[in-house]
């Protein structure tokens, strides 16, 4: 029953357009980073979590770099994360 409902949702036009928006968004960042693998089918290509983890790493990198610049010493990092 759940699979039938999921198939119904996946075939709705609005779902397909939202899925395409996320696919294009992820492919933009993958291409920008020079990644060789792009997403063709969002559900299948990120199912194992490997590509999803790479996308998160690519998108999060500017934020992590910015945050790491605020830390002047390892003890600051510990204090920063505990507060």
Protein backbone atom coordinates (compact mmCIF):
# COMPACT_ATOMS: atom_id res chain seq x y z
CA UNK A 1 0.00 0.00 0.00
CA UNK A 2 2.76 2.44 0.94
CA UNK A 3 4.62 1.76 -2.32
CA UNK A 4 1.45 2.44 -4.36
CA UNK A 5 0.96 5.76 -2.55
CA UNK A 6 4.62 6.66 -3.09
CA UNK A 7 4.30 5.90 -6.81
CA UNK A 8 1.22 8.12 -7.01
CA UNK A 9 3.08 11.01 -5.35
CA UNK A 10 6.16 10.53 -7.54
CA UNK A 11 4.08 10.80 -10.69
CA UNK A 12 2.35 14.08 -9.79
CA UNK A 13 3.44 17.03 -11.97
CA UNK A 14 4.25 19.30 -9.00
CA UNK A 15 6.45 16.60 -7.44
CA UNK A 16 8.35 16.14 -10.67
CA UNK A 17 8.97 19.88 -11.02
CA UNK A 18 10.16 20.18 -7.41
CA UNK A 19 12.38 17.16 -7.91
CA UNK A 20 13.83 18.77 -11.06
CA UNK A 21 14.49 22.02 -9.17
CA UNK A 22 16.48 20.15 -6.50
CA UNK A 23 18.30 18.13 -9.15
CA UNK A 24 19.31 21.30 -11.02
CA UNK A 25 20.33 22.98 -7.75
CA UNK A 26 22.54 20.07 -6.69
CA UNK A 27 24.05 19.72 -10.17
CA UNK A 28 24.89 23.43 -10.16
CA UNK A 29 27.02 23.03 -7.03
CA UNK A 30 28.51 19.73 -8.18
CA UNK A 31 29.56 21.26 -11.52
CA UNK A 32 30.83 24.44 -9.84
CA UNK A 33 33.11 22.36 -7.61
CA UNK A 34 34.44 20.42 -10.60
CA UNK A 35 32.76 17.19 -9.57
CA UNK A 36 32.62 14.69 -12.44
CA UNK A 37 29.40 12.95 -11.41
CA UNK A 38 26.10 14.78 -11.87
CA UNK A 39 22.64 13.70 -10.81
CA UNK A 40 20.35 12.18 -13.41
CA UNK A 41 17.67 10.73 -11.13
CA UNK A 42 17.61 12.41 -7.72
CA UNK A 43 16.04 9.52 -5.82
CA UNK A 44 18.31 6.85 -7.27
CA UNK A 45 21.56 8.80 -7.39
CA UNK A 46 21.55 9.88 -3.75
CA UNK A 47 20.00 6.68 -2.38
CA UNK A 48 23.31 5.25 -1.14
CA UNK A 49 24.21 8.52 0.60
CA UNK A 50 27.64 8.92 -1.00
CA UNK A 51 26.70 11.62 -3.50
CA UNK A 52 24.42 13.28 -0.95
CA UNK A 53 27.34 13.51 1.50
CA UNK A 54 29.50 15.04 -1.23
CA UNK A 55 26.82 17.63 -2.03
CA UNK A 56 26.53 18.56 1.65
CA UNK A 57 30.31 18.86 1.89
CA UNK A 58 30.47 21.09 -1.20
CA UNK A 59 27.65 23.36 -0.05
CA UNK A 60 28.84 23.50 3.56
CA UNK A 61 32.48 24.20 2.75
CA UNK A 62 32.20 28.02 2.54
CA UNK A 63 30.36 28.12 5.87
CA UNK A 64 32.86 25.79 7.54
CA UNK A 65 35.81 27.82 6.22
CA UNK A 66 34.25 31.03 7.48
CA UNK A 67 33.61 29.52 10.90
CA UNK A 68 37.11 28.05 11.14
CA UNK A 69 38.62 31.50 10.51
CA UNK A 70 36.97 32.71 13.72
CA UNK A 71 38.88 30.15 15.78
CA UNK A 72 42.34 31.30 16.77
CA UNK A 73 43.51 28.28 18.77
CA UNK A 74 42.37 24.68 19.41
CA UNK A 75 41.19 25.61 22.92
CA UNK A 76 39.02 28.30 21.34
CA UNK A 77 37.42 25.63 19.21
CA UNK A 78 36.52 23.58 22.28
CA UNK A 79 35.15 26.63 24.11
CA UNK A 80 33.24 27.71 20.97
CA UNK A 81 31.57 24.31 20.57
CA UNK A 82 30.69 23.98 24.24
CA UNK A 83 28.98 27.35 24.48
